[in-house]
PDB file of N, CA and C in Angstrom:
ATOM      1  N   UNK A   1       0.664  -1.090   0.256  1.00  0.00           N
ATOM      2  CA  UNK A   1       0.024   0.244  -0.030  1.00  0.00           C
ATOM      3  C   UNK A   1       0.515   1.028  -0.165  1.00  0.00           C
ATOM      4  N   UNK A   2       0.130   2.351  -0.641  1.00  0.00           N
ATOM      5  CA  UNK A   2       1.370   3.351  -0.580  1.00  0.00           C
ATOM      6  C   UNK A   2       0.421   4.560   0.159  1.00  0.00           C
ATOM      7  N   UNK A   3       0.659   5.509   0.883  1.00  0.00           N
ATOM      8  CA  UNK A   3      -0.083   6.135   1.829  1.00  0.00           C
ATOM      9  C   UNK A   3       0.216   7.313   2.282  1.00  0.00           C
ATOM     10  N   UNK A   4       0.034   8.663   2.638  1.00  0.00           N
ATOM     11  CA  UNK A   4       0.758   9.418   3.315  1.00  0.00           C
ATOM     12  C   UNK A   4       1.403   8.962   4.876  1.00  0.00           C
ATOM     13  N   UNK A   5       2.750   9.537   4.998  1.00  0.00           N
ATOM     14  CA  UNK A   5       3.595   9.225   6.027  1.00  0.00           C
ATOM     15  C   UNK A   5       2.951   8.870   7.184  1.00  0.00           C
ATOM     16  N   UNK A   6       2.570   9.976   7.393  1.00  0.00           N
ATOM     17  CA  UNK A   6       1.213   9.418   9.050  1.00  0.00           C
ATOM     18  C   UNK A   6       0.465   8.887   9.257  1.00  0.00           C
ATOM     19  N   UNK A   7      -0.226   8.809   7.924  1.00  0.00           N
ATOM     20  CA  UNK A   7      -1.622   7.548   8.165  1.00  0.00           C
ATOM     21  C   UNK A   7      -0.279   5.948   7.655  1.00  0.00           C
ATOM     22  N   UNK A   8       0.202   5.849   7.372  1.00  0.00           N
ATOM     23  CA  UNK A   8       1.014   4.426   7.304  1.00  0.00           C
ATOM     24  C   UNK A   8       2.067   4.765   8.985  1.00  0.00           C
ATOM     25  N   UNK A   9       2.502   5.449   9.249  1.00  0.00           N
ATOM     26  CA  UNK A   9       3.495   5.401   9.764  1.00  0.00           C
ATOM     27  C   UNK A   9       2.306   4.571  11.922  1.00  0.00           C
ATOM     28  N   UNK A  10       0.976   5.786  11.401  1.00  0.00           N
ATOM     29  CA  UNK A  10      -0.272   5.319  12.556  1.00  0.00           C
ATOM     30  C   UNK A  10      -0.270   3.862  12.061  1.00  0.00           C
ATOM     31  N   UNK A  11      -0.360   3.472  11.210  1.00  0.00           N
ATOM     32  CA  UNK A  11      -1.141   1.905  10.899  1.00  0.00           C
ATOM     33  C   UNK A  11      -0.068   0.754  11.070  1.00  0.00           C
ATOM     34  N   UNK A  12       1.181   1.083  10.867  1.00  0.00           N
ATOM     35  CA  UNK A  12       2.110   0.666  11.147  1.00  0.00           C
ATOM     36  C   UNK A  12       2.676   0.360  12.600  1.00  0.00           C
ATOM     37  N   UNK A  13       1.346   1.416  13.514  1.00  0.00           N
ATOM     38  CA  UNK A  13       2.297   1.228  14.949  1.00  0.00           C
ATOM     39  C   UNK A  13       2.034   0.764  15.617  1.00  0.00           C
ATOM     40  N   UNK A  14      -0.083   0.613  14.645  1.00  0.00           N
ATOM     41  CA  UNK A  14      -0.853  -0.363  15.612  1.00  0.00           C
ATOM     42  C   UNK A  14      -1.322  -1.247  15.088  1.00  0.00           C
ATOM     43  N   UNK A  15      -0.313  -2.300  14.320  1.00  0.00           N
ATOM     44  CA  UNK A  15      -0.215  -3.707  13.660  1.00  0.00           C
ATOM     45  C   UNK A  15       0.829  -4.330  13.217  1.00  0.00           C
ATOM     46  N   UNK A  16       2.298  -3.307  14.023  1.00  0.00           N
ATOM     47  CA  UNK A  16       3.521  -4.026  13.986  1.00  0.00           C
ATOM     48  C   UNK A  16       3.871  -5.451  13.736  1.00  0.00           C
ATOM     49  N   UNK A  17       3.003  -6.028  13.735  1.00  0.00           N
ATOM     50  CA  UNK A  17       3.316  -7.861  13.653  1.00  0.00           C
ATOM     51  C   UNK A  17       2.542  -7.920  11.729  1.00  0.00           C
ATOM     52  N   UNK A  18       2.334  -7.134  11.241  1.00  0.00           N
ATOM     53  CA  UNK A  18       1.657  -7.510  10.257  1.00  0.00           C
ATOM     54  C   UNK A  18       1.643  -7.309   8.557  1.00  0.00           C
ATOM     55  N   UNK A  19       1.899  -5.507   8.786  1.00  0.00           N
ATOM     56  CA  UNK A  19       2.478  -4.671   8.371  1.00  0.00           C
ATOM     57  C   UNK A  19       3.946  -3.746   8.641  1.00  0.00           C
ATOM     58  N   UNK A  20       4.751  -3.285   7.458  1.00  0.00           N
ATOM     59  CA  UNK A  20       5.409  -2.738   8.035  1.00  0.00           C
ATOM     60  C   UNK A  20       6.178  -1.815   6.389  1.00  0.00           C
ATOM     61  N   UNK A  21       6.726  -0.461   7.060  1.00  0.00           N
ATOM     62  CA  UNK A  21       7.676   0.438   6.590  1.00  0.00           C
ATOM     63  C   UNK A  21       7.895  -0.533   5.301  1.00  0.00           C
ATOM     64  N   UNK A  22       7.709  -0.025   4.145  1.00  0.00           N
ATOM     65  CA  UNK A  22       9.187  -0.917   3.135  1.00  0.00           C
ATOM     66  C   UNK A  22       9.701   0.581   2.853  1.00  0.00           C
ATOM     67  N   UNK A  23      10.120   1.516   2.820  1.00  0.00           N
ATOM     68  CA  UNK A  23      11.453   2.433   2.531  1.00  0.00           C
ATOM     69  C   UNK A  23      10.552   3.839   3.286  1.00  0.00           C
ATOM     70  N   UNK A  24      11.791   4.881   2.877  1.00  0.00           N
ATOM     71  CA  UNK A  24      11.109   5.872   3.540  1.00  0.00           C
ATOM     72  C   UNK A  24      10.364   7.101   2.813  1.00  0.00           C
ATOM     73  N   UNK A  25      10.181   8.006   3.661  1.00  0.00           N
ATOM     74  CA  UNK A  25       9.329   8.790   3.150  1.00  0.00           C
ATOM     75  C   UNK A  25      10.154   9.714   1.962  1.00  0.00           C
ATOM     76  N   UNK A  26       8.594  10.425   0.917  1.00  0.00           N
ATOM     77  CA  UNK A  26       9.610  10.908  -0.520  1.00  0.00           C
ATOM     78  C   UNK A  26       8.299  11.707   0.135  1.00  0.00           C
ATOM     79  N   UNK A  27       9.037  13.113  -1.019  1.00  0.00           N
ATOM     80  CA  UNK A  27       8.158  14.453  -1.220  1.00  0.00           C
ATOM     81  C   UNK A  27       7.164  14.659   0.211  1.00  0.00           C
ATOM     82  N   UNK A  28       8.281  14.981   1.053  1.00  0.00           N
ATOM     83  CA  UNK A  28       7.899  15.694   2.589  1.00  0.00           C
ATOM     84  C   UNK A  28       6.963  16.961   2.005  1.00  0.00           C
ATOM     85  N   UNK A  29       5.765  17.451   2.844  1.00  0.00           N
ATOM     86  CA  UNK A  29       5.731  18.724   2.919  1.00  0.00           C
ATOM     87  C   UNK A  29       4.565  18.665   3.797  1.00  0.00           C
ATOM     88  N   UNK A  30       4.751  19.878   4.714  1.00  0.00           N
ATOM     89  CA  UNK A  30       4.012  19.643   6.064  1.00  0.00           C
ATOM     90  C   UNK A  30       2.433  20.117   5.531  1.00  0.00           C
ATOM     91  N   UNK A  31       1.871  20.374   6.777  1.00  0.00           N
ATOM     92  CA  UNK A  31       0.069  20.335   6.971  1.00  0.00           C
ATOM     93  C   UNK A  31       0.033  21.924   7.311  1.00  0.00           C
ATOM     94  N   UNK A  32      -0.991  22.307   6.156  1.00  0.00           N
ATOM     95  CA  UNK A  32      -1.279  23.843   6.477  1.00  0.00           C
ATOM     96  C   UNK A  32      -2.513  23.567   7.399  1.00  0.00           C
ATOM     97  N   UNK A  33      -2.947  24.600   8.265  1.00  0.00           N
ATOM     98  CA  UNK A  33      -3.744  25.240   8.909  1.00  0.00           C
ATOM     99  C   UNK A  33      -4.740  26.775   8.427  1.00  0.00           C
ATOM    100  N   UNK A  34      -5.818  26.383   7.660  1.00  0.00           N
ATOM    101  CA  UNK A  34      -5.767  27.758   6.736  1.00  0.00           C
ATOM    102  C   UNK A  34      -7.465  28.406   8.091  1.00  0.00           C
ATOM    103  N   UNK A  35      -6.730  29.583   7.867  1.00  0.00           N
ATOM    104  CA  UNK A  35      -7.621  30.945   8.202  1.00  0.00           C
ATOM    105  C   UNK A  35      -7.667  31.873   6.837  1.00  0.00           C
ATOM    106  N   UNK A  36      -8.621  33.102   7.430  1.00  0.00           N
ATOM    107  CA  UNK A  36      -8.700  34.165   6.319  1.00  0.00           C
ATOM    108  C   UNK A  36      -7.980  34.411   6.385  1.00  0.00           C
ATOM    109  N   UNK A  37      -7.307  35.560   5.070  1.00  0.00           N
ATOM    110  CA  UNK A  37      -6.213  36.060   4.888  1.00  0.00           C
ATOM    111  C   UNK A  37      -6.103  37.458   5.407  1.00  0.00           C
ATOM    112  N   UNK A  38      -4.790  37.529   5.940  1.00  0.00           N
ATOM    113  CA  UNK A  38      -5.189  38.629   7.280  1.00  0.00           C
ATOM    114  C   UNK A  38      -5.940  37.738   8.552  1.00  0.00           C
ATOM    115  N   UNK A  39      -6.335  37.422   8.822  1.00  0.00           N
ATOM    116  CA  UNK A  39      -6.751  36.810  10.457  1.00  0.00           C
ATOM    117  C   UNK A  39      -5.502  36.794  11.416  1.00  0.00           C
ATOM    118  N   UNK A  40      -5.948  37.691  12.092  1.00  0.00           N
ATOM    119  CA  UNK A  40      -5.438  37.663  13.711  1.00  0.00           C
ATOM    120  C   UNK A  40      -4.908  36.463  14.062  1.00  0.00           C
ATOM    121  N   UNK A  41      -5.848  35.242  13.902  1.00  0.00           N
ATOM    122  CA  UNK A  41      -5.608  34.061  14.303  1.00  0.00           C
ATOM    123  C   UNK A  41      -4.329  33.455  13.730  1.00  0.00           C
ATOM    124  N   UNK A  42      -4.167  33.417  12.228  1.00  0.00           N
ATOM    125  CA  UNK A  42      -2.458  33.149  11.632  1.00  0.00           C
ATOM    126  C   UNK A  42      -1.610  33.119  12.889  1.00  0.00           C
ATOM    127  N   UNK A  43      -1.595  34.433  13.404  1.00  0.00           N
ATOM    128  CA  UNK A  43      -0.028  34.707  14.584  1.00  0.00           C
ATOM    129  C   UNK A  43      -0.570  33.750  15.875  1.00  0.00           C
ATOM    130  N   UNK A  44      -1.699  33.509  16.373  1.00  0.00           N
ATOM    131  CA  UNK A  44      -1.812  33.147  17.479  1.00  0.00           C
ATOM    132  C   UNK A  44      -1.435  31.443  17.362  1.00  0.00           C
ATOM    133  N   UNK A  45      -2.535  31.405  16.286  1.00  0.00           N
ATOM    134  CA  UNK A  45      -2.239  29.781  15.768  1.00  0.00           C
ATOM    135  C   UNK A  45      -0.716  29.243  15.448  1.00  0.00           C
ATOM    136  N   UNK A  46       0.241  30.045  14.727  1.00  0.00           N
ATOM    137  CA  UNK A  46       1.515  30.352  14.733  1.00  0.00           C
ATOM    138  C   UNK A  46       2.219  29.839  16.304  1.00  0.00           C
ATOM    139  N   UNK A  47       1.689  31.060  16.307  1.00  0.00           N
ATOM    140  CA  UNK A  47       2.517  30.975  18.573  1.00  0.00           C
ATOM    141  C   UNK A  47       2.064  29.636  19.258  1.00  0.00           C
ATOM    142  N   UNK A  48       0.930  29.925  19.258  1.00  0.00           N
ATOM    143  CA  UNK A  48       0.767  28.332  20.672  1.00  0.00           C
ATOM    144  C   UNK A  48       1.126  27.674  19.594  1.00  0.00           C
ATOM    145  N   UNK A  49       1.244  26.505  18.471  1.00  0.00           N
ATOM    146  CA  UNK A  49       1.802  26.222  17.691  1.00  0.00           C
ATOM    147  C   UNK A  49       2.942  25.811  17.860  1.00  0.00           C
ATOM    148  N   UNK A  50       3.822  27.011  17.727  1.00  0.00           N
ATOM    149  CA  UNK A  50       5.436  27.463  18.426  1.00  0.00           C
ATOM    150  C   UNK A  50       5.841  27.041  19.937  1.00  0.00           C
ATOM    151  N   UNK A  51       4.936  27.162  20.133  1.00  0.00           N
ATOM    152  CA  UNK A  51       5.375  27.386  21.853  1.00  0.00           C
ATOM    153  C   UNK A  51       5.266  25.167  22.163  1.00  0.00           C
ATOM    154  N   UNK A  52       4.375  24.049  21.552  1.00  0.00           N
ATOM    155  CA  UNK A  52       4.768  23.041  21.777  1.00  0.00           C
ATOM    156  C   UNK A  52       5.702  23.121  20.992  1.00  0.00           C
ATOM    157  N   UNK A  53       6.349  23.610  19.528  1.00  0.00           N
ATOM    158  CA  UNK A  53       7.049  23.197  19.561  1.00  0.00           C
ATOM    159  C   UNK A  53       8.987  22.894  20.236  1.00  0.00           C
ATOM    160  N   UNK A  54       8.823  24.127  20.924  1.00  0.00           N
ATOM    161  CA  UNK A  54       9.705  24.311  21.657  1.00  0.00           C
ATOM    162  C   UNK A  54       9.565  23.839  23.167  1.00  0.00           C
ATOM    163  N   UNK A  55       7.939  23.404  23.479  1.00  0.00           N
ATOM    164  CA  UNK A  55       8.389  23.194  24.885  1.00  0.00           C
ATOM    165  C   UNK A  55       8.750  21.443  25.423  1.00  0.00           C
ATOM    166  N   UNK A  56       8.677  20.940  23.692  1.00  0.00           N
ATOM    167  CA  UNK A  56       8.766  18.668  23.525  1.00  0.00           C
ATOM    168  C   UNK A  56       7.241  19.073  23.108  1.00  0.00           C
ATOM    169  N   UNK A  57       5.940  19.739  23.552  1.00  0.00           N
ATOM    170  CA  UNK A  57       5.191  18.289  23.244  1.00  0.00           C
ATOM    171  C   UNK A  57       4.608  18.533  22.232  1.00  0.00           C
ATOM    172  N   UNK A  58       5.125  19.039  21.243  1.00  0.00           N
ATOM    173  CA  UNK A  58       4.838  18.627  19.726  1.00  0.00           C
ATOM    174  C   UNK A  58       5.567  16.847  19.263  1.00  0.00           C
ATOM    175  N   UNK A  59       6.603  16.891  20.012  1.00  0.00           N
ATOM    176  CA  UNK A  59       7.615  15.976  19.376  1.00  0.00           C
ATOM    177  C   UNK A  59       7.248  15.151  19.964  1.00  0.00           C
ATOM    178  N   UNK A  60       6.543  15.081  21.592  1.00  0.00           N
ATOM    179  CA  UNK A  60       5.988  13.739  22.169  1.00  0.00           C
ATOM    180  C   UNK A  60       4.566  13.517  21.568  1.00  0.00           C
ATOM    181  N   UNK A  61       3.844  14.425  21.476  1.00  0.00           N
ATOM    182  CA  UNK A  61       2.460  13.880  20.456  1.00  0.00           C
ATOM    183  C   UNK A  61       2.639  12.804  19.471  1.00  0.00           C
ATOM    184  N   UNK A  62       3.469  13.204  18.274  1.00  0.00           N
ATOM    185  CA  UNK A  62       3.830  12.486  16.952  1.00  0.00           C
ATOM    186  C   UNK A  62       4.409  11.719  17.397  1.00  0.00           C
ATOM    187  N   UNK A  63       5.385  11.481  18.219  1.00  0.00           N
ATOM    188  CA  UNK A  63       6.012   9.701  18.686  1.00  0.00           C
ATOM    189  C   UNK A  63       4.656   8.722  19.630  1.00  0.00           C
ATOM    190  N   UNK A  64       4.328   9.419  20.519  1.00  0.00           N
ATOM    191  CA  UNK A  64       2.784   9.692  21.125  1.00  0.00           C
ATOM    192  C   UNK A  64       2.229   8.691  19.531  1.00  0.00           C
ATOM    193  N   UNK A  65       2.167   8.836  18.599  1.00  0.00           N
ATOM    194  CA  UNK A  65       1.355   8.139  17.462  1.00  0.00           C
ATOM    195  C   UNK A  65       2.003   7.708  16.462  1.00  0.00           C
ATOM    196  N   UNK A  66       3.281   7.426  16.161  1.00  0.00           N
ATOM    197  CA  UNK A  66       3.995   7.094  15.628  1.00  0.00           C
ATOM    198  C   UNK A  66       4.377   7.911  13.822  1.00  0.00           C
ATOM    199  N   UNK A  67       4.099   9.514  14.208  1.00  0.00           N
ATOM    200  CA  UNK A  67       4.317   9.648  13.030  1.00  0.00           C
ATOM    201  C   UNK A  67       5.596  11.346  13.533  1.00  0.00           C
ATOM    202  N   UNK A  68       6.451  10.798  14.233  1.00  0.00           N
ATOM    203  CA  UNK A  68       7.183  11.771  14.276  1.00  0.00           C
ATOM    204  C   UNK A  68       7.778  11.630  12.982  1.00  0.00           C
ATOM    205  N   UNK A  69       8.755  10.947  12.380  1.00  0.00           N
ATOM    206  CA  UNK A  69       8.920  11.339  10.716  1.00  0.00           C
ATOM    207  C   UNK A  69       8.897  12.810  10.394  1.00  0.00           C
ATOM    208  N   UNK A  70       7.880  12.766   9.698  1.00  0.00           N
ATOM    209  CA  UNK A  70       7.195  14.486   9.667  1.00  0.00           C
ATOM    210  C   UNK A  70       7.191  15.657  10.216  1.00  0.00           C
ATOM    211  N   UNK A  71       8.320  15.436  11.514  1.00  0.00           N
ATOM    212  CA  UNK A  71       8.625  16.811  12.316  1.00  0.00           C
ATOM    213  C   UNK A  71       8.865  17.931  12.052  1.00  0.00           C
ATOM    214  N   UNK A  72       8.797  18.987  12.249  1.00  0.00           N
ATOM    215  CA  UNK A  72       9.384  20.146  11.589  1.00  0.00           C
ATOM    216  C   UNK A  72      10.065  20.694  12.795  1.00  0.00           C
ATOM    217  N   UNK A  73      10.783  21.880  12.489  1.00  0.00           N
ATOM    218  CA  UNK A  73      11.533  22.510  14.007  1.00  0.00           C
ATOM    219  C   UNK A  73      10.822  23.528  14.089  1.00  0.00           C
ATOM    220  N   UNK A  74      10.231  24.695  13.191  1.00  0.00           N
ATOM    221  CA  UNK A  74       9.378  25.674  13.082  1.00  0.00           C
ATOM    222  C   UNK A  74       8.535  25.869  12.758  1.00  0.00           C
ATOM    223  N   UNK A  75       6.840  26.745  12.864  1.00  0.00           N
ATOM    224  CA  UNK A  75       6.087  26.821  12.392  1.00  0.00           C
ATOM    225  C   UNK A  75       5.878  28.286  11.995  1.00  0.00           C
ATOM    226  N   UNK A  76       5.669  27.609  11.022  1.00  0.00           N
ATOM    227  CA  UNK A  76       5.621  29.225   9.657  1.00  0.00           C
ATOM    228  C   UNK A  76       4.331  29.641   9.190  1.00  0.00           C
ATOM    229  N   UNK A  77       4.075  30.742   8.869  1.00  0.00           N
ATOM    230  CA  UNK A  77       2.937  31.308   8.705  1.00  0.00           C
ATOM    231  C   UNK A  77       2.998  31.630   7.000  1.00  0.00           C
ATOM    232  N   UNK A  78       2.518  30.518   6.199  1.00  0.00           N
ATOM    233  CA  UNK A  78       2.736  30.387   4.435  1.00  0.00           C
ATOM    234  C   UNK A  78       3.566  30.013   3.965  1.00  0.00           C
ATOM    235  N   UNK A  79       4.284  29.195   4.530  1.00  0.00           N
ATOM    236  CA  UNK A  79       5.832  28.869   4.239  1.00  0.00           C
ATOM    237  C   UNK A  79       5.344  27.944   2.273  1.00  0.00           C
ATOM    238  N   UNK A  80       4.042  27.391   2.396  1.00  0.00           N
ATOM    239  CA  UNK A  80       4.788  27.238   0.888  1.00  0.00           C
ATOM    240  C   UNK A  80       4.976  28.037  -0.075  1.00  0.00           C
ATOM    241  N   UNK A  81       4.540  29.211   0.157  1.00  0.00           N
ATOM    242  CA  UNK A  81       4.460  30.372  -1.121  1.00  0.00           C
ATOM    243  C   UNK A  81       5.928  30.873  -0.621  1.00  0.00           C
ATOM    244  N   UNK A  82       6.835  30.890   0.633  1.00  0.00           N
ATOM    245  CA  UNK A  82       7.775  31.286   0.564  1.00  0.00           C
ATOM    246  C   UNK A  82       8.589  30.718   0.130  1.00  0.00           C
ATOM    247  N   UNK A  83       8.924  29.831  -1.028  1.00  0.00           N
ATOM    248  CA  UNK A  83      10.404  29.007  -1.372  1.00  0.00           C
ATOM    249  C   UNK A  83      10.586  28.226  -0.877  1.00  0.00           C
TER     250      UNK A  83
END
């Protein structure tokens, strides 16, 4: 099977004795959270998520669910348009 790496990693974490990852992730891309352009929520969401990265909670959550291969070091706004 092929699927998004978080989906695959989660499936493997639940079915370790039945399936395994056959290769490395490719074409890795971060997920986004959509808000209205210019919304003050963008900065609030970015700051909240960055706080989770900074204090280690983000990594703990990703590791618990078996999807830490796609972790990022910093939370950005409009990363896709920044090049």
